[in-house]
Amino acid sequence: MKLKLIYLVLAVIGLILPLYQFMKFLMKYGFNLRYMIELVAANYISRFLVLDLILAAMVFLILVVVEGRRVQMKNLWIYFLTTLCIGLSFSLPLFLYFREIKKENLPAD
């Protein structure tokens, strides 16, 4: 299986699985931001995971700018938006998928 296809499959999974859980939360509690924050800060492990994810997302967004410019990708803002609105599990493999496409189309050095 080509790497590009693996990235695309992971992006789809990274879109469906987290949003499914978020939709279940919304159906049960509505958009209750206070309760979401309370759950995120509920214990050391949940805070550990959230802080780890936030730092990983920050590193990813730096990668988007640096690597995206290096391979001359357009519309890099999309990866910022998808990271904030959906999550890193979707935006990271999506970026890698489109980076592979762009690298295939770059002239050989």
PDB file of N, CA and C in Angstrom:
ATOM      1  N   MET A   1       0.850  -1.173   0.000  1.00  0.00           N
ATOM      2  CA  MET A   1       0.000   0.000   0.000  1.00  0.00           C
ATOM      3  C   MET A   1       0.897   1.238   0.000  1.00  0.00           C
ATOM      4  N   LYS A   2       0.570   2.178  -0.859  1.00  0.00           N
ATOM      5  CA  LYS A   2       1.365   3.399  -0.940  1.00  0.00           C
ATOM      6  C   LYS A   2       1.153   4.269   0.288  1.00  0.00           C
ATOM      7  N   LEU A   3       2.214   4.971   0.657  1.00  0.00           N
ATOM      8  CA  LEU A   3       2.187   5.849   1.816  1.00  0.00           C
ATOM      9  C   LEU A   3       1.066   6.878   1.703  1.00  0.00           C
ATOM     10  N   LYS A   4       0.858   7.399   0.521  1.00  0.00           N
ATOM     11  CA  LYS A   4      -0.180   8.402   0.292  1.00  0.00           C
ATOM     12  C   LYS A   4      -1.562   7.850   0.673  1.00  0.00           C
ATOM     13  N   LEU A   5      -1.834   6.621   0.288  1.00  0.00           N
ATOM     14  CA  LEU A   5      -3.114   6.000   0.608  1.00  0.00           C
ATOM     15  C   LEU A   5      -3.258   5.757   2.115  1.00  0.00           C
ATOM     16  N   ILE A   6      -2.169   5.369   2.748  1.00  0.00           N
ATOM     17  CA  ILE A   6      -2.188   5.176   4.204  1.00  0.00           C
ATOM     18  C   ILE A   6      -2.546   6.489   4.899  1.00  0.00           C
ATOM     19  N   TYR A   7      -1.944   7.589   4.469  1.00  0.00           N
ATOM     20  CA  TYR A   7      -2.254   8.889   5.052  1.00  0.00           C
ATOM     21  C   TYR A   7      -3.723   9.251   4.854  1.00  0.00           C
ATOM     22  N   LEU A   8      -4.257   8.969   3.676  1.00  0.00           N
ATOM     23  CA  LEU A   8      -5.656   9.289   3.401  1.00  0.00           C
ATOM     24  C   LEU A   8      -6.589   8.462   4.291  1.00  0.00           C
ATOM     25  N   VAL A   9      -6.301   7.175   4.424  1.00  0.00           N
ATOM     26  CA  VAL A   9      -7.118   6.308   5.283  1.00  0.00           C
ATOM     27  C   VAL A   9      -7.050   6.796   6.730  1.00  0.00           C
ATOM     28  N   LEU A  10      -5.858   7.150   7.202  1.00  0.00           N
ATOM     29  CA  LEU A  10      -5.713   7.649   8.567  1.00  0.00           C
ATOM     30  C   LEU A  10      -6.438   8.976   8.769  1.00  0.00           C
ATOM     31  N   ALA A  11      -6.458   9.824   7.739  1.00  0.00           N
ATOM     32  CA  ALA A  11      -7.196  11.086   7.835  1.00  0.00           C
ATOM     33  C   ALA A  11      -8.692  10.821   7.982  1.00  0.00           C
ATOM     34  N   VAL A  12      -9.213   9.885   7.220  1.00  0.00           N
ATOM     35  CA  VAL A  12     -10.639   9.554   7.306  1.00  0.00           C
ATOM     36  C   VAL A  12     -10.958   8.989   8.692  1.00  0.00           C
ATOM     37  N   ILE A  13     -10.126   8.089   9.172  1.00  0.00           N
ATOM     38  CA  ILE A  13     -10.320   7.536  10.519  1.00  0.00           C
ATOM     39  C   ILE A  13     -10.209   8.646  11.566  1.00  0.00           C
ATOM     40  N   GLY A  14      -9.230   9.540  11.388  1.00  0.00           N
ATOM     41  CA  GLY A  14      -9.031  10.658  12.311  1.00  0.00           C
ATOM     42  C   GLY A  14     -10.149  11.676  12.266  1.00  0.00           C
ATOM     43  N   LEU A  15     -10.926  11.663  11.226  1.00  0.00           N
ATOM     44  CA  LEU A  15     -12.112  12.515  11.137  1.00  0.00           C
ATOM     45  C   LEU A  15     -13.306  11.846  11.823  1.00  0.00           C
ATOM     46  N   ILE A  16     -13.529  10.578  11.501  1.00  0.00           N
ATOM     47  CA  ILE A  16     -14.730   9.872  11.959  1.00  0.00           C
ATOM     48  C   ILE A  16     -14.708   9.565  13.454  1.00  0.00           C
ATOM     49  N   LEU A  17     -13.634   8.956  13.940  1.00  0.00           N
ATOM     50  CA  LEU A  17     -13.624   8.506  15.340  1.00  0.00           C
ATOM     51  C   LEU A  17     -13.772   9.642  16.358  1.00  0.00           C
ATOM     52  N   PRO A  18     -12.977  10.703  16.266  1.00  0.00           N
ATOM     53  CA  PRO A  18     -13.161  11.783  17.250  1.00  0.00           C
ATOM     54  C   PRO A  18     -14.518  12.486  17.121  1.00  0.00           C
ATOM     55  N   LEU A  19     -14.958  12.738  15.886  1.00  0.00           N
ATOM     56  CA  LEU A  19     -16.236  13.428  15.717  1.00  0.00           C
ATOM     57  C   LEU A  19     -17.402  12.582  16.200  1.00  0.00           C
ATOM     58  N   TYR A  20     -17.296  11.279  16.075  1.00  0.00           N
ATOM     59  CA  TYR A  20     -18.332  10.386  16.582  1.00  0.00           C
ATOM     60  C   TYR A  20     -18.472  10.555  18.098  1.00  0.00           C
ATOM     61  N   GLN A  21     -17.347  10.581  18.790  1.00  0.00           N
ATOM     62  CA  GLN A  21     -17.376  10.764  20.240  1.00  0.00           C
ATOM     63  C   GLN A  21     -17.899  12.152  20.613  1.00  0.00           C
ATOM     64  N   PHE A  22     -17.496  13.159  19.854  1.00  0.00           N
ATOM     65  CA  PHE A  22     -17.965  14.522  20.122  1.00  0.00           C
ATOM     66  C   PHE A  22     -19.469  14.621  19.894  1.00  0.00           C
ATOM     67  N   MET A  23     -19.963  13.988  18.844  1.00  0.00           N
ATOM     68  CA  MET A  23     -21.400  14.000  18.565  1.00  0.00           C
ATOM     69  C   MET A  23     -22.179  13.307  19.684  1.00  0.00           C
ATOM     70  N   LYS A  24     -21.632  12.220  20.204  1.00  0.00           N
ATOM     71  CA  LYS A  24     -22.285  11.540  21.336  1.00  0.00           C
ATOM     72  C   LYS A  24     -22.369  12.464  22.539  1.00  0.00           C
ATOM     73  N   PHE A  25     -21.293  13.208  22.802  1.00  0.00           N
ATOM     74  CA  PHE A  25     -21.298  14.174  23.902  1.00  0.00           C
ATOM     75  C   PHE A  25     -22.358  15.248  23.657  1.00  0.00           C
ATOM     76  N   LEU A  26     -22.388  15.799  22.433  1.00  0.00           N
ATOM     77  CA  LEU A  26     -23.352  16.849  22.116  1.00  0.00           C
ATOM     78  C   LEU A  26     -24.786  16.367  22.245  1.00  0.00           C
ATOM     79  N   MET A  27     -25.041  15.140  21.820  1.00  0.00           N
ATOM     80  CA  MET A  27     -26.392  14.602  21.910  1.00  0.00           C
ATOM     81  C   MET A  27     -26.831  14.434  23.368  1.00  0.00           C
ATOM     82  N   LYS A  28     -25.892  14.119  24.232  1.00  0.00           N
ATOM     83  CA  LYS A  28     -26.231  13.891  25.639  1.00  0.00           C
ATOM     84  C   LYS A  28     -26.260  15.187  26.452  1.00  0.00           C
ATOM     85  N   TYR A  29     -25.284  16.084  26.222  1.00  0.00           N
ATOM     86  CA  TYR A  29     -25.139  17.269  27.067  1.00  0.00           C
ATOM     87  C   TYR A  29     -25.351  18.595  26.334  1.00  0.00           C
ATOM     88  N   GLY A  30     -25.464  18.562  25.015  1.00  0.00           N
ATOM     89  CA  GLY A  30     -25.517  19.805  24.252  1.00  0.00           C
ATOM     90  C   GLY A  30     -24.139  20.447  24.228  1.00  0.00           C
ATOM     91  N   PHE A  31     -24.074  21.666  23.702  1.00  0.00           N
ATOM     92  CA  PHE A  31     -22.782  22.355  23.657  1.00  0.00           C
ATOM     93  C   PHE A  31     -22.550  23.035  24.999  1.00  0.00           C
ATOM     94  N   ASN A  32     -22.141  22.238  25.951  1.00  0.00           N
ATOM     95  CA  ASN A  32     -21.919  22.697  27.323  1.00  0.00           C
ATOM     96  C   ASN A  32     -20.415  22.877  27.535  1.00  0.00           C
ATOM     97  N   LEU A  33     -19.929  24.046  27.176  1.00  0.00           N
ATOM     98  CA  LEU A  33     -18.493  24.321  27.234  1.00  0.00           C
ATOM     99  C   LEU A  33     -17.947  24.194  28.656  1.00  0.00           C
ATOM    100  N   ARG A  34     -18.688  24.650  29.622  1.00  0.00           N
ATOM    101  CA  ARG A  34     -18.245  24.559  31.010  1.00  0.00           C
ATOM    102  C   ARG A  34     -18.030  23.096  31.420  1.00  0.00           C
ATOM    103  N   TYR A  35     -18.953  22.225  31.051  1.00  0.00           N
ATOM    104  CA  TYR A  35     -18.826  20.816  31.406  1.00  0.00           C
ATOM    105  C   TYR A  35     -17.676  20.156  30.636  1.00  0.00           C
ATOM    106  N   MET A  36     -17.481  20.551  29.371  1.00  0.00           N
ATOM    107  CA  MET A  36     -16.353  20.011  28.596  1.00  0.00           C
ATOM    108  C   MET A  36     -15.032  20.337  29.279  1.00  0.00           C
ATOM    109  N   ILE A  37     -14.871  21.576  29.692  1.00  0.00           N
ATOM    110  CA  ILE A  37     -13.639  21.994  30.365  1.00  0.00           C
ATOM    111  C   ILE A  37     -13.483  21.265  31.693  1.00  0.00           C
ATOM    112  N   GLU A  38     -14.587  21.101  32.394  1.00  0.00           N
ATOM    113  CA  GLU A  38     -14.551  20.369  33.663  1.00  0.00           C
ATOM    114  C   GLU A  38     -14.072  18.932  33.448  1.00  0.00           C
ATOM    115  N   LEU A  39     -14.553  18.287  32.398  1.00  0.00           N
ATOM    116  CA  LEU A  39     -14.134  16.915  32.107  1.00  0.00           C
ATOM    117  C   LEU A  39     -12.663  16.849  31.692  1.00  0.00           C
ATOM    118  N   VAL A  40     -12.240  17.817  30.895  1.00  0.00           N
ATOM    119  CA  VAL A  40     -10.845  17.846  30.440  1.00  0.00           C
ATOM    120  C   VAL A  40      -9.902  18.017  31.624  1.00  0.00           C
ATOM    121  N   ALA A  41     -10.305  18.819  32.603  1.00  0.00           N
ATOM    122  CA  ALA A  41      -9.460  19.101  33.764  1.00  0.00           C
ATOM    123  C   ALA A  41      -9.768  18.180  34.946  1.00  0.00           C
ATOM    124  N   ALA A  42     -10.464  17.086  34.708  1.00  0.00           N
ATOM    125  CA  ALA A  42     -10.967  16.235  35.789  1.00  0.00           C
ATOM    126  C   ALA A  42      -9.865  15.593  36.619  1.00  0.00           C
ATOM    127  N   ASN A  43      -8.751  15.228  36.001  1.00  0.00           N
ATOM    128  CA  ASN A  43      -7.691  14.546  36.758  1.00  0.00           C
ATOM    129  C   ASN A  43      -6.351  14.737  36.074  1.00  0.00           C
ATOM    130  N   TYR A  44      -5.304  14.220  36.688  1.00  0.00           N
ATOM    131  CA  TYR A  44      -3.948  14.394  36.152  1.00  0.00           C
ATOM    132  C   TYR A  44      -3.793  13.761  34.773  1.00  0.00           C
ATOM    133  N   ILE A  45      -4.392  12.611  34.571  1.00  0.00           N
ATOM    134  CA  ILE A  45      -4.229  11.905  33.295  1.00  0.00           C
ATOM    135  C   ILE A  45      -4.913  12.659  32.163  1.00  0.00           C
ATOM    136  N   SER A  46      -6.112  13.140  32.381  1.00  0.00           N
ATOM    137  CA  SER A  46      -6.786  13.881  31.315  1.00  0.00           C
ATOM    138  C   SER A  46      -6.041  15.179  31.012  1.00  0.00           C
ATOM    139  N   ARG A  47      -5.538  15.861  32.038  1.00  0.00           N
ATOM    140  CA  ARG A  47      -4.742  17.079  31.802  1.00  0.00           C
ATOM    141  C   ARG A  47      -3.451  16.747  31.075  1.00  0.00           C
ATOM    142  N   PHE A  48      -2.806  15.640  31.449  1.00  0.00           N
ATOM    143  CA  PHE A  48      -1.595  15.197  30.761  1.00  0.00           C
ATOM    144  C   PHE A  48      -1.872  15.001  29.270  1.00  0.00           C
ATOM    145  N   LEU A  49      -2.948  14.297  28.956  1.00  0.00           N
ATOM    146  CA  LEU A  49      -3.275  14.024  27.549  1.00  0.00           C
ATOM    147  C   LEU A  49      -3.611  15.293  26.780  1.00  0.00           C
ATOM    148  N   VAL A  50      -4.351  16.183  27.395  1.00  0.00           N
ATOM    149  CA  VAL A  50      -4.724  17.426  26.726  1.00  0.00           C
ATOM    150  C   VAL A  50      -3.497  18.299  26.485  1.00  0.00           C
ATOM    151  N   LEU A  51      -2.639  18.435  27.488  1.00  0.00           N
ATOM    152  CA  LEU A  51      -1.433  19.251  27.311  1.00  0.00           C
ATOM    153  C   LEU A  51      -0.498  18.643  26.272  1.00  0.00           C
ATOM    154  N   ASP A  52      -0.374  17.327  26.278  1.00  0.00           N
ATOM    155  CA  ASP A  52       0.441  16.648  25.277  1.00  0.00           C
ATOM    156  C   ASP A  52      -0.109  16.905  23.877  1.00  0.00           C
ATOM    157  N   LEU A  53      -1.410  16.824  23.728  1.00  0.00           N
ATOM    158  CA  LEU A  53      -2.045  17.058  22.431  1.00  0.00           C
ATOM    159  C   LEU A  53      -1.886  18.504  21.976  1.00  0.00           C
ATOM    160  N   ILE A  54      -2.035  19.437  22.896  1.00  0.00           N
ATOM    161  CA  ILE A  54      -1.869  20.851  22.536  1.00  0.00           C
ATOM    162  C   ILE A  54      -0.441  21.125  22.063  1.00  0.00           C
ATOM    163  N   LEU A  55       0.544  20.599  22.775  1.00  0.00           N
ATOM    164  CA  LEU A  55       1.940  20.805  22.364  1.00  0.00           C
ATOM    165  C   LEU A  55       2.234  20.128  21.030  1.00  0.00           C
ATOM    166  N   ALA A  56       1.715  18.925  20.829  1.00  0.00           N
ATOM    167  CA  ALA A  56       1.906  18.229  19.552  1.00  0.00           C
ATOM    168  C   ALA A  56       1.257  19.018  18.413  1.00  0.00           C
ATOM    169  N   ALA A  57       0.096  19.596  18.660  1.00  0.00           N
ATOM    170  CA  ALA A  57      -0.578  20.403  17.643  1.00  0.00           C
ATOM    171  C   ALA A  57       0.230  21.654  17.316  1.00  0.00           C
ATOM    172  N   MET A  58       0.840  22.263  18.327  1.00  0.00           N
ATOM    173  CA  MET A  58       1.669  23.443  18.079  1.00  0.00           C
ATOM    174  C   MET A  58       2.880  23.090  17.211  1.00  0.00           C
ATOM    175  N   VAL A  59       3.520  21.975  17.514  1.00  0.00           N
ATOM    176  CA  VAL A  59       4.655  21.521  16.702  1.00  0.00           C
ATOM    177  C   VAL A  59       4.202  21.236  15.284  1.00  0.00           C
ATOM    178  N   PHE A  60       3.045  20.589  15.148  1.00  0.00           N
ATOM    179  CA  PHE A  60       2.513  20.294  13.818  1.00  0.00           C
ATOM    180  C   PHE A  60       2.275  21.570  13.017  1.00  0.00           C
ATOM    181  N   LEU A  61       1.712  22.600  13.648  1.00  0.00           N
ATOM    182  CA  LEU A  61       1.422  23.829  12.918  1.00  0.00           C
ATOM    183  C   LEU A  61       2.702  24.539  12.480  1.00  0.00           C
ATOM    184  N   ILE A  62       3.761  24.420  13.261  1.00  0.00           N
ATOM    185  CA  ILE A  62       5.064  24.935  12.816  1.00  0.00           C
ATOM    186  C   ILE A  62       5.533  24.136  11.610  1.00  0.00           C
ATOM    187  N   LEU A  63       5.380  22.822  11.666  1.00  0.00           N
ATOM    188  CA  LEU A  63       5.737  21.953  10.530  1.00  0.00           C
ATOM    189  C   LEU A  63       4.957  22.340   9.280  1.00  0.00           C
ATOM    190  N   VAL A  64       3.683  22.637   9.441  1.00  0.00           N
ATOM    191  CA  VAL A  64       2.851  23.023   8.299  1.00  0.00           C
ATOM    192  C   VAL A  64       3.444  24.239   7.602  1.00  0.00           C
ATOM    193  N   VAL A  65       3.821  25.235   8.377  1.00  0.00           N
ATOM    194  CA  VAL A  65       4.367  26.459   7.790  1.00  0.00           C
ATOM    195  C   VAL A  65       5.709  26.176   7.123  1.00  0.00           C
ATOM    196  N   VAL A  66       6.620  25.539   7.827  1.00  0.00           N
ATOM    197  CA  VAL A  66       7.977  25.319   7.317  1.00  0.00           C
ATOM    198  C   VAL A  66       7.974  24.354   6.133  1.00  0.00           C
ATOM    199  N   GLU A  67       7.389  23.183   6.325  1.00  0.00           N
ATOM    200  CA  GLU A  67       7.398  22.170   5.268  1.00  0.00           C
ATOM    201  C   GLU A  67       6.476  22.560   4.119  1.00  0.00           C
ATOM    202  N   GLY A  68       5.335  23.155   4.450  1.00  0.00           N
ATOM    203  CA  GLY A  68       4.411  23.589   3.405  1.00  0.00           C
ATOM    204  C   GLY A  68       5.039  24.604   2.466  1.00  0.00           C
ATOM    205  N   ARG A  69       5.773  25.541   3.032  1.00  0.00           N
ATOM    206  CA  ARG A  69       6.474  26.528   2.183  1.00  0.00           C
ATOM    207  C   ARG A  69       7.608  25.872   1.400  1.00  0.00           C
ATOM    208  N   ARG A  70       8.299  24.931   2.041  1.00  0.00           N
ATOM    209  CA  ARG A  70       9.425  24.278   1.380  1.00  0.00           C
ATOM    210  C   ARG A  70       8.995  23.546   0.110  1.00  0.00           C
ATOM    211  N   VAL A  71       7.861  22.862   0.176  1.00  0.00           N
ATOM    212  CA  VAL A  71       7.389  22.123  -0.998  1.00  0.00           C
ATOM    213  C   VAL A  71       6.345  22.911  -1.782  1.00  0.00           C
ATOM    214  N   GLN A  72       6.177  24.194  -1.436  1.00  0.00           N
ATOM    215  CA  GLN A  72       5.323  25.130  -2.153  1.00  0.00           C
ATOM    216  C   GLN A  72       3.852  24.708  -2.171  1.00  0.00           C
ATOM    217  N   MET A  73       3.364  24.281  -1.008  1.00  0.00           N
ATOM    218  CA  MET A  73       1.950  23.951  -0.877  1.00  0.00           C
ATOM    219  C   MET A  73       1.146  25.237  -0.723  1.00  0.00           C
ATOM    220  N   LYS A  74      -0.080  25.208  -1.196  1.00  0.00           N
ATOM    221  CA  LYS A  74      -0.964  26.367  -1.088  1.00  0.00           C
ATOM    222  C   LYS A  74      -2.023  26.097  -0.030  1.00  0.00           C
ATOM    223  N   ASN A  75      -2.700  27.151   0.389  1.00  0.00           N
ATOM    224  CA  ASN A  75      -3.821  27.062   1.332  1.00  0.00           C
ATOM    225  C   ASN A  75      -3.444  26.377   2.646  1.00  0.00           C
ATOM    226  N   LEU A  76      -2.308  26.752   3.194  1.00  0.00           N
ATOM    227  CA  LEU A  76      -1.861  26.153   4.451  1.00  0.00           C
ATOM    228  C   LEU A  76      -2.792  26.478   5.620  1.00  0.00           C
ATOM    229  N   TRP A  77      -3.566  27.522   5.498  1.00  0.00           N
ATOM    230  CA  TRP A  77      -4.514  27.898   6.545  1.00  0.00           C
ATOM    231  C   TRP A  77      -5.518  26.778   6.819  1.00  0.00           C
ATOM    232  N   ILE A  78      -5.780  25.940   5.828  1.00  0.00           N
ATOM    233  CA  ILE A  78      -6.738  24.842   5.994  1.00  0.00           C
ATOM    234  C   ILE A  78      -6.304  23.912   7.126  1.00  0.00           C
ATOM    235  N   TYR A  79      -5.008  23.664   7.255  1.00  0.00           N
ATOM    236  CA  TYR A  79      -4.517  22.749   8.293  1.00  0.00           C
ATOM    237  C   TYR A  79      -4.625  23.368   9.678  1.00  0.00           C
ATOM    238  N   PHE A  80      -4.514  24.690   9.764  1.00  0.00           N
ATOM    239  CA  PHE A  80      -4.747  25.372  11.035  1.00  0.00           C
ATOM    240  C   PHE A  80      -6.215  25.229  11.419  1.00  0.00           C
ATOM    241  N   LEU A  81      -7.094  25.464  10.448  1.00  0.00           N
ATOM    242  CA  LEU A  81      -8.530  25.388  10.702  1.00  0.00           C
ATOM    243  C   LEU A  81      -8.964  23.968  11.088  1.00  0.00           C
ATOM    244  N   THR A  82      -8.484  22.966  10.353  1.00  0.00           N
ATOM    245  CA  THR A  82      -8.884  21.590  10.665  1.00  0.00           C
ATOM    246  C   THR A  82      -8.309  21.131  12.002  1.00  0.00           C
ATOM    247  N   THR A  83      -7.136  21.630  12.360  1.00  0.00           N
ATOM    248  CA  THR A  83      -6.573  21.278  13.665  1.00  0.00           C
ATOM    249  C   THR A  83      -7.427  21.852  14.785  1.00  0.00           C
ATOM    250  N   LEU A  84      -7.860  23.090  14.636  1.00  0.00           N
ATOM    251  CA  LEU A  84      -8.664  23.733  15.673  1.00  0.00           C
ATOM    252  C   LEU A  84     -10.094  23.206  15.720  1.00  0.00           C
ATOM    253  N   CYS A  85     -10.678  22.903  14.564  1.00  0.00           N
ATOM    254  CA  CYS A  85     -12.094  22.522  14.517  1.00  0.00           C
ATOM    255  C   CYS A  85     -12.337  21.016  14.611  1.00  0.00           C
ATOM    256  N   ILE A  86     -11.408  20.225  14.145  1.00  0.00           N
ATOM    257  CA  ILE A  86     -11.604  18.776  14.149  1.00  0.00           C
ATOM    258  C   ILE A  86     -10.572  18.112  15.042  1.00  0.00           C
ATOM    259  N   GLY A  87      -9.305  18.326  14.747  1.00  0.00           N
ATOM    260  CA  GLY A  87      -8.276  17.770  15.605  1.00  0.00           C
ATOM    261  C   GLY A  87      -7.045  17.346  14.838  1.00  0.00           C
ATOM    262  N   LEU A  88      -6.005  17.107  15.601  1.00  0.00           N
ATOM    263  CA  LEU A  88      -4.722  16.707  15.055  1.00  0.00           C
ATOM    264  C   LEU A  88      -4.798  15.356  14.347  1.00  0.00           C
ATOM    265  N   SER A  89      -5.651  14.472  14.849  1.00  0.00           N
ATOM    266  CA  SER A  89      -5.757  13.132  14.251  1.00  0.00           C
ATOM    267  C   SER A  89      -6.279  13.187  12.825  1.00  0.00           C
ATOM    268  N   PHE A  90      -6.930  14.274  12.449  1.00  0.00           N
ATOM    269  CA  PHE A  90      -7.380  14.469  11.066  1.00  0.00           C
ATOM    270  C   PHE A  90      -6.409  15.336  10.276  1.00  0.00           C
ATOM    271  N   SER A  91      -6.011  16.462  10.863  1.00  0.00           N
ATOM    272  CA  SER A  91      -5.216  17.434  10.105  1.00  0.00           C
ATOM    273  C   SER A  91      -3.805  16.948   9.788  1.00  0.00           C
ATOM    274  N   LEU A  92      -3.186  16.202  10.690  1.00  0.00           N
ATOM    275  CA  LEU A  92      -1.827  15.714  10.431  1.00  0.00           C
ATOM    276  C   LEU A  92      -1.780  14.748   9.255  1.00  0.00           C
ATOM    277  N   PRO A  93      -2.561  13.670   9.232  1.00  0.00           N
ATOM    278  CA  PRO A  93      -2.489  12.797   8.061  1.00  0.00           C
ATOM    279  C   PRO A  93      -3.001  13.472   6.787  1.00  0.00           C
ATOM    280  N   LEU A  94      -3.944  14.416   6.924  1.00  0.00           N
ATOM    281  CA  LEU A  94      -4.412  15.158   5.751  1.00  0.00           C
ATOM    282  C   LEU A  94      -3.279  15.968   5.147  1.00  0.00           C
ATOM    283  N   PHE A  95      -2.526  16.664   6.004  1.00  0.00           N
ATOM    284  CA  PHE A  95      -1.368  17.432   5.534  1.00  0.00           C
ATOM    285  C   PHE A  95      -0.343  16.512   4.868  1.00  0.00           C
ATOM    286  N   LEU A  96      -0.041  15.387   5.505  1.00  0.00           N
ATOM    287  CA  LEU A  96       0.948  14.456   4.941  1.00  0.00           C
ATOM    288  C   LEU A  96       0.484  13.889   3.604  1.00  0.00           C
ATOM    289  N   TYR A  97      -0.816  13.642   3.482  1.00  0.00           N
ATOM    290  CA  TYR A  97      -1.376  13.157   2.210  1.00  0.00           C
ATOM    291  C   TYR A  97      -1.140  14.179   1.101  1.00  0.00           C
ATOM    292  N   PHE A  98      -1.511  15.431   1.350  1.00  0.00           N
ATOM    293  CA  PHE A  98      -1.350  16.456   0.315  1.00  0.00           C
ATOM    294  C   PHE A  98       0.115  16.814   0.086  1.00  0.00           C
ATOM    295  N   ARG A  99       0.944  16.661   1.103  1.00  0.00           N
ATOM    296  CA  ARG A  99       2.380  16.883   0.912  1.00  0.00           C
ATOM    297  C   ARG A  99       2.947  15.824  -0.036  1.00  0.00           C
ATOM    298  N   GLU A 100       2.514  14.573   0.126  1.00  0.00           N
ATOM    299  CA  GLU A 100       2.960  13.507  -0.782  1.00  0.00           C
ATOM    300  C   GLU A 100       2.543  13.802  -2.213  1.00  0.00           C
ATOM    301  N   ILE A 101       1.327  14.263  -2.393  1.00  0.00           N
ATOM    302  CA  ILE A 101       0.859  14.635  -3.743  1.00  0.00           C
ATOM    303  C   ILE A 101       1.733  15.739  -4.309  1.00  0.00           C
ATOM    304  N   LYS A 102       2.003  16.759  -3.502  1.00  0.00           N
ATOM    305  CA  LYS A 102       2.826  17.879  -3.962  1.00  0.00           C
ATOM    306  C   LYS A 102       4.241  17.414  -4.302  1.00  0.00           C
ATOM    307  N   LYS A 103       4.815  16.546  -3.467  1.00  0.00           N
ATOM    308  CA  LYS A 103       6.176  16.057  -3.713  1.00  0.00           C
ATOM    309  C   LYS A 103       6.242  15.249  -5.008  1.00  0.00           C
ATOM    310  N   GLU A 104       5.182  14.510  -5.329  1.00  0.00           N
ATOM    311  CA  GLU A 104       5.145  13.756  -6.583  1.00  0.00           C
ATOM    312  C   GLU A 104       5.190  14.675  -7.797  1.00  0.00           C
ATOM    313  N   ASN A 105       4.628  15.866  -7.643  1.00  0.00           N
ATOM    314  CA  ASN A 105       4.525  16.803  -8.766  1.00  0.00           C
ATOM    315  C   ASN A 105       5.675  17.792  -8.850  1.00  0.00           C
ATOM    316  N   LEU A 106       6.593  17.769  -7.866  1.00  0.00           N
ATOM    317  CA  LEU A 106       7.749  18.663  -7.918  1.00  0.00           C
ATOM    318  C   LEU A 106       8.760  18.148  -8.921  1.00  0.00           C
ATOM    319  N   PRO A 107       9.428  19.053  -9.622  1.00  0.00           N
ATOM    320  CA  PRO A 107      10.478  18.600 -10.552  1.00  0.00           C
ATOM    321  C   PRO A 107      11.639  17.981  -9.779  1.00  0.00           C
ATOM    322  N   ALA A 108      12.228  16.968 -10.349  1.00  0.00           N
ATOM    323  CA  ALA A 108      13.382  16.294  -9.711  1.00  0.00           C
ATOM    324  C   ALA A 108      14.576  17.231  -9.709  1.00  0.00           C
ATOM    325  N   ASP A 109      15.349  17.204  -8.621  1.00  0.00           N
ATOM    326  CA  ASP A 109      16.551  18.066  -8.515  1.00  0.00           C
ATOM    327  C   ASP A 109      17.677  17.547  -9.358  1.00  0.00           C
TER     328      ASP A 109
END
